[in-house]
Amino acid sequence: MSATKTTTRTKAGKCPDHGDVQGEKDFPVASWPLLAYLGRRASAQFKPYRCPQCGKAIT
């Protein structure tokens, strides 16, 4: 099975180590089966944006 295709979303925030950064997180692209896609999408909503340099959650 191939890897899930994603798109990256960004949001400005503060990293505990690097200060002001553009945080990133991946959202799945619509795919078949729809129910699995909806589950992945709902899961992505609750994951935090992360610092692109160190991977820590931003605030």
PDB file of N, CA and C in Angstrom:
ATOM      1  N   MET A   1       0.838  -1.168   0.000  1.00  0.00           N
ATOM      2  CA  MET A   1       0.000   0.000   0.000  1.00  0.00           C
ATOM      3  C   MET A   1       0.887   1.236   0.000  1.00  0.00           C
ATOM      4  N   SER A   2       0.527   2.225  -0.794  1.00  0.00           N
ATOM      5  CA  SER A   2       1.346   3.421  -0.914  1.00  0.00           C
ATOM      6  C   SER A   2       1.117   4.363   0.259  1.00  0.00           C
ATOM      7  N   ALA A   3       2.035   5.282   0.419  1.00  0.00           N
ATOM      8  CA  ALA A   3       1.928   6.260   1.503  1.00  0.00           C
ATOM      9  C   ALA A   3       0.769   7.215   1.233  1.00  0.00           C
ATOM     10  N   THR A   4       0.169   7.714   2.277  1.00  0.00           N
ATOM     11  CA  THR A   4      -0.933   8.652   2.157  1.00  0.00           C
ATOM     12  C   THR A   4      -0.413   9.996   1.668  1.00  0.00           C
ATOM     13  N   LYS A   5      -1.078  10.580   0.684  1.00  0.00           N
ATOM     14  CA  LYS A   5      -0.692  11.897   0.195  1.00  0.00           C
ATOM     15  C   LYS A   5      -1.184  12.945   1.175  1.00  0.00           C
ATOM     16  N   THR A   6      -0.334  13.936   1.425  1.00  0.00           N
ATOM     17  CA  THR A   6      -0.686  14.992   2.365  1.00  0.00           C
ATOM     18  C   THR A   6      -0.347  16.351   1.784  1.00  0.00           C
ATOM     19  N   THR A   7      -0.938  17.356   2.377  1.00  0.00           N
ATOM     20  CA  THR A   7      -0.598  18.739   2.083  1.00  0.00           C
ATOM     21  C   THR A   7      -0.190  19.388   3.398  1.00  0.00           C
ATOM     22  N   THR A   8       0.723  20.329   3.354  1.00  0.00           N
ATOM     23  CA  THR A   8       1.230  20.961   4.567  1.00  0.00           C
ATOM     24  C   THR A   8       0.517  22.288   4.793  1.00  0.00           C
ATOM     25  N   ARG A   9       0.059  22.487   6.008  1.00  0.00           N
ATOM     26  CA  ARG A   9      -0.546  23.759   6.412  1.00  0.00           C
ATOM     27  C   ARG A   9       0.395  24.421   7.405  1.00  0.00           C
ATOM     28  N   THR A  10       0.421  25.755   7.382  1.00  0.00           N
ATOM     29  CA  THR A  10       1.309  26.496   8.269  1.00  0.00           C
ATOM     30  C   THR A  10       0.526  27.481   9.117  1.00  0.00           C
ATOM     31  N   LYS A  11       1.131  27.843  10.256  1.00  0.00           N
ATOM     32  CA  LYS A  11       0.529  28.791  11.181  1.00  0.00           C
ATOM     33  C   LYS A  11       1.658  29.451  11.965  1.00  0.00           C
ATOM     34  N   ALA A  12       1.569  30.750  12.139  1.00  0.00           N
ATOM     35  CA  ALA A  12       2.572  31.462  12.918  1.00  0.00           C
ATOM     36  C   ALA A  12       2.405  31.133  14.399  1.00  0.00           C
ATOM     37  N   GLY A  13       3.531  30.979  15.096  1.00  0.00           N
ATOM     38  CA  GLY A  13       3.494  30.667  16.520  1.00  0.00           C
ATOM     39  C   GLY A  13       4.865  30.806  17.135  1.00  0.00           C
ATOM     40  N   LYS A  14       4.965  30.389  18.394  1.00  0.00           N
ATOM     41  CA  LYS A  14       6.236  30.480  19.120  1.00  0.00           C
ATOM     42  C   LYS A  14       6.724  29.091  19.492  1.00  0.00           C
ATOM     43  N   CYS A  15       7.953  28.805  19.122  1.00  0.00           N
ATOM     44  CA  CYS A  15       8.628  27.572  19.515  1.00  0.00           C
ATOM     45  C   CYS A  15       9.351  27.850  20.826  1.00  0.00           C
ATOM     46  N   PRO A  16       9.339  26.899  21.771  1.00  0.00           N
ATOM     47  CA  PRO A  16      10.051  27.124  23.038  1.00  0.00           C
ATOM     48  C   PRO A  16      11.555  27.351  22.854  1.00  0.00           C
ATOM     49  N   ASP A  17      12.141  26.801  21.787  1.00  0.00           N
ATOM     50  CA  ASP A  17      13.584  26.938  21.569  1.00  0.00           C
ATOM     51  C   ASP A  17      13.954  28.018  20.554  1.00  0.00           C
ATOM     52  N   HIS A  18      13.122  28.208  19.506  1.00  0.00           N
ATOM     53  CA  HIS A  18      13.500  29.075  18.390  1.00  0.00           C
ATOM     54  C   HIS A  18      12.704  30.379  18.302  1.00  0.00           C
ATOM     55  N   GLY A  19      11.794  30.620  19.224  1.00  0.00           N
ATOM     56  CA  GLY A  19      11.025  31.873  19.195  1.00  0.00           C
ATOM     57  C   GLY A  19       9.939  31.837  18.125  1.00  0.00           C
ATOM     58  N   ASP A  20       9.763  32.940  17.399  1.00  0.00           N
ATOM     59  CA  ASP A  20       8.714  33.042  16.378  1.00  0.00           C
ATOM     60  C   ASP A  20       9.066  32.187  15.156  1.00  0.00           C
ATOM     61  N   VAL A  21       8.160  31.288  14.789  1.00  0.00           N
ATOM     62  CA  VAL A  21       8.345  30.412  13.632  1.00  0.00           C
ATOM     63  C   VAL A  21       7.012  30.223  12.914  1.00  0.00           C
ATOM     64  N   GLN A  22       7.065  29.635  11.731  1.00  0.00           N
ATOM     65  CA  GLN A  22       5.875  29.208  11.001  1.00  0.00           C
ATOM     66  C   GLN A  22       5.733  27.718  11.264  1.00  0.00           C
ATOM     67  N   GLY A  23       4.803  27.352  12.143  1.00  0.00           N
ATOM     68  CA  GLY A  23       4.578  25.946  12.466  1.00  0.00           C
ATOM     69  C   GLY A  23       3.939  25.216  11.304  1.00  0.00           C
ATOM     70  N   GLU A  24       4.179  23.922  11.200  1.00  0.00           N
ATOM     71  CA  GLU A  24       3.658  23.110  10.103  1.00  0.00           C
ATOM     72  C   GLU A  24       2.954  21.872  10.627  1.00  0.00           C
ATOM     73  N   LYS A  25       1.940  21.419   9.885  1.00  0.00           N
ATOM     74  CA  LYS A  25       1.350  20.107  10.129  1.00  0.00           C
ATOM     75  C   LYS A  25       0.764  19.601   8.825  1.00  0.00           C
ATOM     76  N   ASP A  26       0.727  18.281   8.688  1.00  0.00           N
ATOM     77  CA  ASP A  26       0.260  17.647   7.462  1.00  0.00           C
ATOM     78  C   ASP A  26      -1.220  17.302   7.558  1.00  0.00           C
ATOM     79  N   PHE A  27      -1.937  17.596   6.474  1.00  0.00           N
ATOM     80  CA  PHE A  27      -3.337  17.215   6.341  1.00  0.00           C
ATOM     81  C   PHE A  27      -3.448  16.267   5.169  1.00  0.00           C
ATOM     82  N   PRO A  28      -4.254  15.208   5.299  1.00  0.00           N
ATOM     83  CA  PRO A  28      -4.399  14.261   4.194  1.00  0.00           C
ATOM     84  C   PRO A  28      -5.186  14.871   3.032  1.00  0.00           C
ATOM     85  N   VAL A  29      -4.847  14.446   1.834  1.00  0.00           N
ATOM     86  CA  VAL A  29      -5.568  14.838   0.627  1.00  0.00           C
ATOM     87  C   VAL A  29      -6.693  13.826   0.426  1.00  0.00           C
ATOM     88  N   ALA A  30      -7.836  14.289  -0.065  1.00  0.00           N
ATOM     89  CA  ALA A  30      -8.988  13.410  -0.265  1.00  0.00           C
ATOM     90  C   ALA A  30      -8.594  12.180  -1.087  1.00  0.00           C
ATOM     91  N   SER A  31      -9.037  11.015  -0.613  1.00  0.00           N
ATOM     92  CA  SER A  31      -8.689   9.762  -1.288  1.00  0.00           C
ATOM     93  C   SER A  31      -9.759   8.716  -1.005  1.00  0.00           C
ATOM     94  N   TRP A  32      -9.656   7.606  -1.660  1.00  0.00           N
ATOM     95  CA  TRP A  32     -10.579   6.492  -1.486  1.00  0.00           C
ATOM     96  C   TRP A  32      -9.938   5.495  -0.545  1.00  0.00           C
ATOM     97  N   PRO A  33     -10.534   4.852   0.366  1.00  0.00           N
ATOM     98  CA  PRO A  33     -11.940   4.911   0.745  1.00  0.00           C
ATOM     99  C   PRO A  33     -12.235   6.157   1.576  1.00  0.00           C
ATOM    100  N   LEU A  34     -13.378   6.724   1.342  1.00  0.00           N
ATOM    101  CA  LEU A  34     -13.754   7.985   1.949  1.00  0.00           C
ATOM    102  C   LEU A  34     -13.789   7.912   3.476  1.00  0.00           C
ATOM    103  N   LEU A  35     -14.258   6.831   4.022  1.00  0.00           N
ATOM    104  CA  LEU A  35     -14.343   6.706   5.481  1.00  0.00           C
ATOM    105  C   LEU A  35     -12.952   6.745   6.121  1.00  0.00           C
ATOM    106  N   ALA A  36     -11.983   6.102   5.505  1.00  0.00           N
ATOM    107  CA  ALA A  36     -10.608   6.135   6.031  1.00  0.00           C
ATOM    108  C   ALA A  36     -10.037   7.546   5.933  1.00  0.00           C
ATOM    109  N   TYR A  37     -10.320   8.226   4.824  1.00  0.00           N
ATOM    110  CA  TYR A  37      -9.856   9.610   4.647  1.00  0.00           C
ATOM    111  C   TYR A  37     -10.435  10.502   5.734  1.00  0.00           C
ATOM    112  N   LEU A  38     -11.740  10.373   6.002  1.00  0.00           N
ATOM    113  CA  LEU A  38     -12.384  11.196   7.021  1.00  0.00           C
ATOM    114  C   LEU A  38     -11.788  10.943   8.403  1.00  0.00           C
ATOM    115  N   GLY A  39     -11.435   9.712   8.697  1.00  0.00           N
ATOM    116  CA  GLY A  39     -10.782   9.390   9.967  1.00  0.00           C
ATOM    117  C   GLY A  39      -9.416  10.043  10.081  1.00  0.00           C
ATOM    118  N   ARG A  40      -8.624   9.972   9.007  1.00  0.00           N
ATOM    119  CA  ARG A  40      -7.299  10.607   9.014  1.00  0.00           C
ATOM    120  C   ARG A  40      -7.430  12.122   9.136  1.00  0.00           C
ATOM    121  N   ARG A  41      -8.412  12.691   8.460  1.00  0.00           N
ATOM    122  CA  ARG A  41      -8.626  14.141   8.499  1.00  0.00           C
ATOM    123  C   ARG A  41      -9.029  14.592   9.906  1.00  0.00           C
ATOM    124  N   ALA A  42      -9.940  13.857  10.533  1.00  0.00           N
ATOM    125  CA  ALA A  42     -10.357  14.200  11.891  1.00  0.00           C
ATOM    126  C   ALA A  42      -9.178  14.096  12.857  1.00  0.00           C
ATOM    127  N   SER A  43      -8.358  13.089  12.680  1.00  0.00           N
ATOM    128  CA  SER A  43      -7.184  12.915  13.529  1.00  0.00           C
ATOM    129  C   SER A  43      -6.199  14.082  13.354  1.00  0.00           C
ATOM    130  N   ALA A  44      -6.026  14.544  12.119  1.00  0.00           N
ATOM    131  CA  ALA A  44      -5.092  15.639  11.839  1.00  0.00           C
ATOM    132  C   ALA A  44      -5.547  16.949  12.473  1.00  0.00           C
ATOM    133  N   GLN A  45      -6.846  17.123  12.646  1.00  0.00           N
ATOM    134  CA  GLN A  45      -7.369  18.353  13.244  1.00  0.00           C
ATOM    135  C   GLN A  45      -6.847  18.552  14.664  1.00  0.00           C
ATOM    136  N   PHE A  46      -6.617  17.460  15.396  1.00  0.00           N
ATOM    137  CA  PHE A  46      -6.234  17.551  16.798  1.00  0.00           C
ATOM    138  C   PHE A  46      -4.730  17.499  17.038  1.00  0.00           C
ATOM    139  N   LYS A  47      -3.945  17.282  16.011  1.00  0.00           N
ATOM    140  CA  LYS A  47      -2.489  17.276  16.161  1.00  0.00           C
ATOM    141  C   LYS A  47      -1.983  18.709  16.204  1.00  0.00           C
ATOM    142  N   PRO A  48      -0.954  18.988  16.997  1.00  0.00           N
ATOM    143  CA  PRO A  48      -0.450  20.358  17.097  1.00  0.00           C
ATOM    144  C   PRO A  48       0.416  20.741  15.897  1.00  0.00           C
ATOM    145  N   TYR A  49       0.507  22.033  15.648  1.00  0.00           N
ATOM    146  CA  TYR A  49       1.476  22.531  14.669  1.00  0.00           C
ATOM    147  C   TYR A  49       2.850  22.350  15.287  1.00  0.00           C
ATOM    148  N   ARG A  50       3.848  22.037  14.466  1.00  0.00           N
ATOM    149  CA  ARG A  50       5.194  21.743  14.965  1.00  0.00           C
ATOM    150  C   ARG A  50       6.228  22.674  14.347  1.00  0.00           C
ATOM    151  N   CYS A  51       7.270  22.947  15.114  1.00  0.00           N
ATOM    152  CA  CYS A  51       8.395  23.753  14.646  1.00  0.00           C
ATOM    153  C   CYS A  51       9.099  23.004  13.522  1.00  0.00           C
ATOM    154  N   PRO A  52       9.360  23.645  12.388  1.00  0.00           N
ATOM    155  CA  PRO A  52      10.036  22.949  11.284  1.00  0.00           C
ATOM    156  C   PRO A  52      11.506  22.634  11.574  1.00  0.00           C
ATOM    157  N   GLN A  53      12.105  23.310  12.554  1.00  0.00           N
ATOM    158  CA  GLN A  53      13.512  23.086  12.854  1.00  0.00           C
ATOM    159  C   GLN A  53      13.751  21.980  13.866  1.00  0.00           C
ATOM    160  N   CYS A  54      12.905  21.935  14.936  1.00  0.00           N
ATOM    161  CA  CYS A  54      13.166  20.952  15.983  1.00  0.00           C
ATOM    162  C   CYS A  54      12.012  19.959  16.179  1.00  0.00           C
ATOM    163  N   GLY A  55      10.834  20.264  15.651  1.00  0.00           N
ATOM    164  CA  GLY A  55       9.714  19.335  15.745  1.00  0.00           C
ATOM    165  C   GLY A  55       8.880  19.451  17.012  1.00  0.00           C
ATOM    166  N   LYS A  56       9.194  20.417  17.875  1.00  0.00           N
ATOM    167  CA  LYS A  56       8.406  20.615  19.087  1.00  0.00           C
ATOM    168  C   LYS A  56       7.095  21.331  18.748  1.00  0.00           C
ATOM    169  N   ALA A  57       6.063  21.089  19.561  1.00  0.00           N
ATOM    170  CA  ALA A  57       4.769  21.752  19.369  1.00  0.00           C
ATOM    171  C   ALA A  57       4.921  23.253  19.629  1.00  0.00           C
ATOM    172  N   ILE A  58       4.267  24.068  18.788  1.00  0.00           N
ATOM    173  CA  ILE A  58       4.316  25.513  18.989  1.00  0.00           C
ATOM    174  C   ILE A  58       3.071  25.980  19.739  1.00  0.00           C
ATOM    175  N   THR A  59       3.148  27.181  20.285  1.00  0.00           N
ATOM    176  CA  THR A  59       1.993  27.754  20.996  1.00  0.00           C
ATOM    177  C   THR A  59       1.449  28.927  20.250  1.00  0.00           C
TER     178      THR A  59
END
